[in-house]
Amino acid sequence: MAFDAARYSRQVRFGPLGEAGQEKLARSRVAIVGCGALGSVSALALARAGVGMLRLIDRDLPEVSNLPRQVLFDEQDIRDGLPKAVAARRQLQRINSDLEIEVEVTDLTPRNADRLLGGVDCIVDGTDNFEARFLINEVCCRDRIPWVYGGAIGAEGRVLAVRPGSTACLRCLIPEPPAAGSLPTCESAGIIGPAALVVGAVQAAEAMKLLVGVPEV
C-alpha cells in the first residue's frame, strides 16, 4: 500500500523510520483492546502515524467523567449515545480518511479472543483489568503476535512491549493475575489526564517500533 509522501514527509525524515518504515506502517493491521484513556490516545497516535488498519474493540459508552482523559470523545458523543468504538471511528475517520477501521462493540472473552485478536500485526492494550490483559498475553504468546501492555493510575504509568519468543511476557513478570479488588483503580485512586496521555503515546511509539521492525531504536 502506498502512502501519501507529502502527508508523512516529516515523519519519514526520522532515520530509523524512513520511507521503508512508513510503507510498513501503511500495510500494518493493529487491534486496540479498549478505547478508553490509553486506547484512545494510542488509536489517535497510530491513525495520525499512517497505520493502515485499526480494529477497535470496546463495548462501553462514553461518560462525562471520561472527557478529561479520553481524547477521542466529546459531549456530543455522550448526547448521541454512541458506543466508544463507534464514536472513536467517527473521529478517526475525520483525521485520516485513508485509514481502514473495524469496530467490535463487545467485550474480549476467551470465546471470541481468537477472532478479535487474529489477523493483525500488533495488539495494543487499552484495557483496565488484568483478566483481559492475561487473555491478550495468552493469545499473543501462542500465536507469536507482538503486543504492548500499558497501565496508568494517579500520576504514574507503565508500558511493556512484548515480542513473544524474544522478550519477557506479562506472565513472566506477574505469574498470576492479582485478586479482584486487590489493586487500586482509577475509580478508587483517581488519575490525571496527562498521565494517560503520556502512557498512551509511549504505547503507540512502542507499537510503531514493533510494526516497523526496529524494536531497539
Protein backbone atom coordinates (compact mmCIF):
# COMPACT_ATOMS: atom_id res chain seq x y z
CA MET A 1 0.00 0.00 0.00
CA ALA A 2 1.42 3.37 -0.99
CA PHE A 3 1.47 6.28 1.43
CA ASP A 4 0.96 10.00 0.91
CA ALA A 5 4.52 11.33 0.69
CA ALA A 6 3.52 14.91 1.42
CA ARG A 7 1.45 13.99 4.46
CA TYR A 8 4.20 11.96 6.09
CA SER A 9 7.17 14.00 4.85
CA ARG A 10 8.34 14.97 8.34
CA GLN A 11 7.87 11.50 9.73
CA VAL A 12 9.91 9.71 7.06
CA ARG A 13 12.82 12.07 7.71
CA PHE A 14 13.28 10.32 11.03
CA GLY A 15 16.11 7.95 10.12
CA PRO A 16 15.00 4.76 11.88
CA LEU A 17 11.61 5.01 10.15
CA GLY A 18 12.26 6.34 6.65
CA GLU A 19 10.17 5.56 3.58
CA ALA A 20 10.53 1.80 4.04
CA GLY A 21 9.21 2.03 7.57
CA GLN A 22 6.33 4.24 6.51
CA GLU A 23 5.38 1.70 3.87
CA LYS A 24 5.33 -0.98 6.56
CA LEU A 25 3.06 1.17 8.70
CA ALA A 26 0.70 1.65 5.75
CA ARG A 27 0.42 -2.13 5.41
CA SER A 28 0.05 -2.78 9.13
CA ARG A 29 -3.02 -4.01 10.96
CA VAL A 30 -3.41 -3.21 14.67
CA ALA A 31 -6.02 -4.27 17.21
CA ILE A 32 -6.68 -1.92 20.12
CA VAL A 33 -8.45 -3.61 23.02
CA GLY A 34 -10.30 -0.91 24.92
CA CYS A 35 -11.00 2.60 23.67
CA GLY A 36 -10.74 4.39 26.99
CA ALA A 37 -7.89 6.63 28.10
CA LEU A 38 -4.90 4.62 26.85
CA GLY A 39 -6.69 3.06 23.90
CA SER A 40 -8.00 6.37 22.58
CA VAL A 41 -4.58 8.05 22.82
CA SER A 42 -2.87 5.09 21.13
CA ALA A 43 -5.52 4.94 18.40
CA LEU A 44 -5.19 8.66 17.75
CA ALA A 45 -1.39 8.48 17.50
CA LEU A 46 -1.39 5.42 15.25
CA ALA A 47 -4.07 6.87 12.98
CA ARG A 48 -2.02 10.03 12.55
CA ALA A 49 1.14 7.98 12.03
CA GLY A 50 -0.34 6.26 8.97
CA VAL A 51 -1.12 2.75 10.15
CA GLY A 52 -3.25 1.02 7.53
CA MET A 53 -5.95 -0.62 9.68
CA LEU A 54 -7.19 -0.31 13.24
CA ARG A 55 -9.58 -2.75 14.89
CA LEU A 56 -11.30 -1.04 17.81
CA ILE A 57 -12.69 -3.35 20.49
CA ASP A 58 -14.87 -1.85 23.24
CA ARG A 59 -18.48 -2.24 24.37
CA ASP A 60 -18.81 0.78 26.70
CA LEU A 61 -20.47 4.15 26.12
CA PRO A 62 -18.57 7.40 26.79
CA GLU A 63 -19.49 9.21 30.00
CA VAL A 64 -18.83 12.75 31.15
CA SER A 65 -16.20 11.51 33.63
CA ASN A 66 -14.21 10.15 30.66
CA LEU A 67 -13.73 13.51 28.96
CA PRO A 68 -10.69 14.77 30.94
CA ARG A 69 -8.50 11.95 29.61
CA GLN A 70 -10.22 10.06 26.74
CA VAL A 71 -9.20 12.18 23.78
CA LEU A 72 -11.46 10.75 21.05
CA PHE A 73 -14.76 11.68 22.71
CA ASP A 74 -16.69 14.87 23.33
CA GLU A 75 -20.00 15.96 24.78
CA GLN A 76 -21.82 15.32 21.50
CA ASP A 77 -20.81 11.64 21.57
CA ILE A 78 -22.41 11.35 25.01
CA ARG A 79 -25.60 13.03 23.81
CA ASP A 80 -25.69 10.73 20.77
CA GLY A 81 -25.34 7.64 22.95
CA LEU A 82 -22.69 6.13 20.68
CA PRO A 83 -20.54 3.21 21.84
CA LYS A 84 -16.94 4.25 22.35
CA ALA A 85 -15.67 2.20 19.42
CA VAL A 86 -18.22 3.77 17.06
CA ALA A 87 -17.56 7.31 18.30
CA ALA A 88 -13.82 6.70 18.02
CA ARG A 89 -14.19 5.54 14.43
CA ARG A 90 -16.15 8.69 13.57
CA GLN A 91 -13.42 10.93 14.95
CA LEU A 92 -10.51 8.95 13.49
CA GLN A 93 -12.07 8.98 10.02
CA ARG A 94 -12.17 12.78 10.19
CA ILE A 95 -8.44 12.73 10.90
CA ASN A 96 -7.38 10.12 8.34
CA SER A 97 -9.88 9.16 5.65
CA ASP A 98 -7.49 6.56 4.23
CA LEU A 99 -7.50 4.59 7.48
CA GLU A 100 -9.44 1.32 7.46
CA ILE A 101 -11.30 0.89 10.75
CA GLU A 102 -13.04 -2.21 12.04
CA VAL A 103 -15.38 -1.79 15.02
CA GLU A 104 -16.22 -4.52 17.52
CA VAL A 105 -18.74 -3.40 20.15
CA THR A 106 -18.13 -6.25 22.56
CA ASP A 107 -16.03 -7.46 25.48
CA LEU A 108 -12.90 -9.52 24.87
CA THR A 109 -13.58 -13.03 26.21
CA PRO A 110 -11.96 -16.45 25.85
CA ARG A 111 -14.81 -17.35 23.49
CA ASN A 112 -14.14 -14.54 20.97
CA ALA A 113 -10.44 -13.82 21.58
CA ASP A 114 -9.17 -15.77 18.57
CA ARG A 115 -11.49 -13.88 16.23
CA LEU A 116 -10.95 -10.43 17.71
CA LEU A 117 -7.18 -10.71 18.05
CA GLY A 118 -6.44 -12.67 14.88
CA GLY A 119 -5.16 -11.36 11.59
CA VAL A 120 -3.25 -8.40 12.99
CA ASP A 121 0.42 -7.46 13.23
CA CYS A 122 0.31 -5.94 16.70
CA ILE A 123 -2.09 -5.54 19.63
CA VAL A 124 -2.28 -2.54 21.97
CA ASP A 125 -3.70 -3.00 25.45
CA GLY A 126 -6.17 -0.29 26.41
CA THR A 127 -8.00 -2.41 28.98
CA ASP A 128 -8.50 -1.69 32.66
CA ASN A 129 -8.30 -5.20 34.13
CA PHE A 130 -5.77 -7.99 34.37
CA GLU A 131 -8.18 -10.70 33.26
CA ALA A 132 -8.28 -9.17 29.78
CA ARG A 133 -4.54 -8.47 29.78
CA PHE A 134 -3.67 -12.07 30.63
CA LEU A 135 -6.01 -13.25 27.88
CA ILE A 136 -4.24 -10.97 25.39
CA ASN A 137 -0.90 -12.29 26.64
CA GLU A 138 -2.02 -15.92 26.25
CA VAL A 139 -3.22 -15.46 22.66
CA CYS A 140 -0.18 -13.41 21.66
CA CYS A 141 2.35 -15.83 23.14
CA ARG A 142 0.61 -18.76 21.46
CA ASP A 143 0.32 -17.09 18.06
CA ARG A 144 3.54 -15.02 18.24
CA ILE A 145 1.78 -11.66 17.91
CA PRO A 146 3.68 -8.67 19.35
CA TRP A 147 1.69 -6.62 21.83
CA VAL A 148 2.06 -3.59 24.09
CA TYR A 149 0.84 -3.58 27.68
CA GLY A 150 0.04 -0.28 29.36
CA GLY A 151 -1.35 0.90 32.65
CA ALA A 152 -1.86 4.30 34.23
CA ILE A 153 -3.19 5.43 37.58
CA GLY A 154 -2.85 8.61 39.59
CA ALA A 155 0.12 10.42 38.07
CA GLU A 156 2.14 7.38 37.01
CA GLY A 157 2.11 4.63 34.44
CA ARG A 158 3.97 1.73 32.91
CA VAL A 159 4.46 0.22 29.46
CA LEU A 160 5.81 -3.14 28.36
CA ALA A 161 6.36 -4.18 24.75
CA VAL A 162 6.16 -7.95 24.37
CA ARG A 163 7.77 -9.82 21.49
CA PRO A 164 6.87 -13.48 22.04
CA GLY A 165 9.94 -15.66 21.85
CA SER A 166 12.30 -12.71 22.28
CA THR A 167 11.28 -10.85 25.43
CA ALA A 168 9.60 -11.47 28.74
CA CYS A 169 5.82 -11.63 28.60
CA LEU A 170 3.28 -10.39 31.12
CA ARG A 171 3.13 -13.72 32.92
CA CYS A 172 6.92 -13.74 33.26
CA LEU A 173 6.63 -10.56 35.31
CA ILE A 174 3.32 -11.33 37.05
CA PRO A 175 2.89 -15.11 37.26
CA GLU A 176 -0.72 -14.92 38.47
CA PRO A 177 -3.35 -12.22 37.95
CA PRO A 178 -3.90 -10.09 41.06
CA ALA A 179 -7.03 -10.93 43.00
CA ALA A 180 -10.06 -8.88 42.07
CA GLY A 181 -10.22 -5.70 44.12
CA SER A 182 -6.66 -6.05 45.45
CA LEU A 183 -5.20 -3.18 43.40
CA PRO A 184 -6.19 0.48 43.25
CA THR A 185 -8.17 1.59 40.21
CA CYS A 186 -8.78 4.92 38.51
CA GLU A 187 -12.15 4.98 40.24
CA SER A 188 -10.64 4.47 43.70
CA ALA A 189 -7.29 6.26 43.35
CA GLY A 190 -8.03 8.71 40.55
CA ILE A 191 -5.96 9.65 37.53
CA ILE A 192 -4.86 12.86 35.85
CA GLY A 193 -5.20 13.26 32.10
CA PRO A 194 -1.51 13.88 31.35
CA ALA A 195 -0.56 10.50 32.84
CA ALA A 196 -2.88 8.74 30.42
CA LEU A 197 -1.68 10.89 27.52
CA VAL A 198 1.96 10.05 28.19
CA VAL A 199 1.42 6.31 28.66
CA GLY A 200 -0.82 6.01 25.59
CA ALA A 201 1.71 7.91 23.49
CA VAL A 202 4.54 5.65 24.63
CA GLN A 203 2.42 2.62 23.82
CA ALA A 204 1.86 3.96 20.29
CA ALA A 205 5.60 4.57 19.87
CA GLU A 206 6.36 1.02 21.00
CA ALA A 207 3.75 -0.33 18.59
CA MET A 208 5.32 1.64 15.73
CA LYS A 209 8.73 0.18 16.58
CA LEU A 210 7.29 -3.34 16.54
CA LEU A 211 5.47 -2.78 13.26
CA VAL A 212 8.48 -1.26 11.51
CA GLY A 213 10.85 -3.87 12.91
CA VAL A 214 13.18 -1.60 14.90
CA PRO A 215 12.37 -2.62 18.49
CA GLU A 216 15.69 -1.46 19.90
CA VAL A 217 15.62 2.09 18.49
